[in-house]
Amino acid sequence: MATEKENQNKETKSNMRGELHFDYKNVVLLEEYINPHARILSRRRTQLSARKQRELATAIKRARFMALMPYSAR
């Protein structure tokens, strides 16, 4: 189990890249966070905070609704 000191030094993906902003129109960025079967990757894989993961999921769902991204990859 990680200690508190190790958790403080752990950088999330949003910290490494600067502040991420997820917009449903930015399909190129959103495609980085889905797998080949068009499923949203987990927080553990994306290394995003809980808030950013929720924003990501909402943006992907909006892009799917607007037919900018597929619901499934067949």
C-alpha atoms as a PDB file:
ATOM      1  CA  MET A   1       0.000   0.000   0.000  1.00  0.00           C
ATOM      2  CA  ALA A   2       1.309   3.436  -0.924  1.00  0.00           C
ATOM      3  CA  THR A   3       2.222   5.799   1.852  1.00  0.00           C
ATOM      4  CA  GLU A   4       0.981   9.354   2.078  1.00  0.00           C
ATOM      5  CA  LYS A   5       4.376  10.671   0.932  1.00  0.00           C
ATOM      6  CA  GLU A   6       4.288   8.494  -2.211  1.00  0.00           C
ATOM      7  CA  ASN A   7       0.776   9.686  -3.016  1.00  0.00           C
ATOM      8  CA  GLN A   8       1.912  13.316  -2.849  1.00  0.00           C
ATOM      9  CA  ASN A   9       4.689  12.703  -5.379  1.00  0.00           C
ATOM     10  CA  LYS A  10       2.455  10.802  -7.783  1.00  0.00           C
ATOM     11  CA  GLU A  11       1.582  12.985 -10.745  1.00  0.00           C
ATOM     12  CA  THR A  12      -1.644  12.546 -12.613  1.00  0.00           C
ATOM     13  CA  LYS A  13      -1.901  12.806 -16.373  1.00  0.00           C
ATOM     14  CA  SER A  14      -3.642  16.176 -16.133  1.00  0.00           C
ATOM     15  CA  ASN A  15      -0.751  17.563 -14.076  1.00  0.00           C
ATOM     16  CA  MET A  16       1.847  16.301 -16.547  1.00  0.00           C
ATOM     17  CA  ARG A  17       0.117  17.776 -19.632  1.00  0.00           C
ATOM     18  CA  GLY A  18      -1.159  20.953 -18.064  1.00  0.00           C
ATOM     19  CA  GLU A  19      -4.841  21.389 -17.324  1.00  0.00           C
ATOM     20  CA  LEU A  20      -6.957  19.230 -19.627  1.00  0.00           C
ATOM     21  CA  HIS A  21     -10.265  20.511 -20.956  1.00  0.00           C
ATOM     22  CA  PHE A  22     -12.573  17.911 -22.475  1.00  0.00           C
ATOM     23  CA  ASP A  23     -14.914  19.191 -25.152  1.00  0.00           C
ATOM     24  CA  TYR A  24     -17.266  16.945 -27.110  1.00  0.00           C
ATOM     25  CA  LYS A  25     -16.147  18.610 -30.361  1.00  0.00           C
ATOM     26  CA  ASN A  26     -12.488  17.650 -29.825  1.00  0.00           C
ATOM     27  CA  VAL A  27     -12.862  14.079 -31.079  1.00  0.00           C
ATOM     28  CA  VAL A  28      -9.111  13.573 -31.607  1.00  0.00           C
ATOM     29  CA  LEU A  29      -8.436  14.106 -27.890  1.00  0.00           C
ATOM     30  CA  LEU A  30     -11.408  11.994 -26.807  1.00  0.00           C
ATOM     31  CA  GLU A  31     -10.320   9.063 -28.985  1.00  0.00           C
ATOM     32  CA  GLU A  32      -7.159   8.769 -26.850  1.00  0.00           C
ATOM     33  CA  TYR A  33      -9.395   7.719 -23.942  1.00  0.00           C
ATOM     34  CA  ILE A  34     -11.397   4.945 -25.606  1.00  0.00           C
ATOM     35  CA  ASN A  35     -10.245   1.419 -26.421  1.00  0.00           C
ATOM     36  CA  PRO A  36     -10.498  -0.260 -29.871  1.00  0.00           C
ATOM     37  CA  HIS A  37     -14.000  -1.485 -28.967  1.00  0.00           C
ATOM     38  CA  ALA A  38     -15.095   2.147 -28.357  1.00  0.00           C
ATOM     39  CA  ARG A  39     -15.385   1.726 -24.575  1.00  0.00           C
ATOM     40  CA  ILE A  40     -14.268   4.465 -22.172  1.00  0.00           C
ATOM     41  CA  LEU A  41     -11.017   3.603 -20.397  1.00  0.00           C
ATOM     42  CA  SER A  42     -10.997   3.382 -16.606  1.00  0.00           C
ATOM     43  CA  ARG A  43      -9.482   5.941 -14.257  1.00  0.00           C
ATOM     44  CA  ARG A  44      -6.658   3.578 -13.495  1.00  0.00           C
ATOM     45  CA  ARG A  45      -5.689   3.438 -17.175  1.00  0.00           C
ATOM     46  CA  THR A  46      -6.195   7.143 -17.918  1.00  0.00           C
ATOM     47  CA  GLN A  47      -4.617   8.359 -14.645  1.00  0.00           C
ATOM     48  CA  LEU A  48      -7.165  11.162 -14.380  1.00  0.00           C
ATOM     49  CA  SER A  49      -8.727  12.543 -11.228  1.00  0.00           C
ATOM     50  CA  ALA A  50     -12.315  11.613 -10.428  1.00  0.00           C
ATOM     51  CA  ARG A  51     -13.600  15.005 -11.557  1.00  0.00           C
ATOM     52  CA  LYS A  52     -11.681  14.907 -14.851  1.00  0.00           C
ATOM     53  CA  GLN A  53     -12.830  11.320 -15.476  1.00  0.00           C
ATOM     54  CA  ARG A  54     -16.467  12.423 -15.065  1.00  0.00           C
ATOM     55  CA  GLU A  55     -15.880  15.335 -17.462  1.00  0.00           C
ATOM     56  CA  LEU A  56     -14.285  12.939 -19.941  1.00  0.00           C
ATOM     57  CA  ALA A  57     -17.189  10.485 -19.758  1.00  0.00           C
ATOM     58  CA  THR A  58     -19.731  13.284 -20.222  1.00  0.00           C
ATOM     59  CA  ALA A  59     -17.842  14.681 -23.228  1.00  0.00           C
ATOM     60  CA  ILE A  60     -17.592  11.236 -24.857  1.00  0.00           C
ATOM     61  CA  LYS A  61     -21.293  10.578 -24.277  1.00  0.00           C
ATOM     62  CA  ARG A  62     -22.206  13.956 -25.803  1.00  0.00           C
ATOM     63  CA  ALA A  63     -19.970  13.289 -28.816  1.00  0.00           C
ATOM     64  CA  ARG A  64     -21.664   9.912 -29.290  1.00  0.00           C
ATOM     65  CA  PHE A  65     -25.116  11.490 -29.063  1.00  0.00           C
ATOM     66  CA  MET A  66     -24.129  14.093 -31.673  1.00  0.00           C
ATOM     67  CA  ALA A  67     -22.817  11.252 -33.921  1.00  0.00           C
ATOM     68  CA  LEU A  68     -19.234  12.509 -33.785  1.00  0.00           C
ATOM     69  CA  MET A  69     -18.021   9.248 -32.214  1.00  0.00           C
ATOM     70  CA  PRO A  70     -19.265   5.663 -32.504  1.00  0.00           C
ATOM     71  CA  TYR A  71     -21.171   3.881 -29.746  1.00  0.00           C
ATOM     72  CA  SER A  72     -19.453   0.643 -30.717  1.00  0.00           C
ATOM     73  CA  ALA A  73     -16.708  -0.407 -33.117  1.00  0.00           C
ATOM     74  CA  ARG A  74     -17.878  -3.201 -35.372  1.00  0.00           C
END
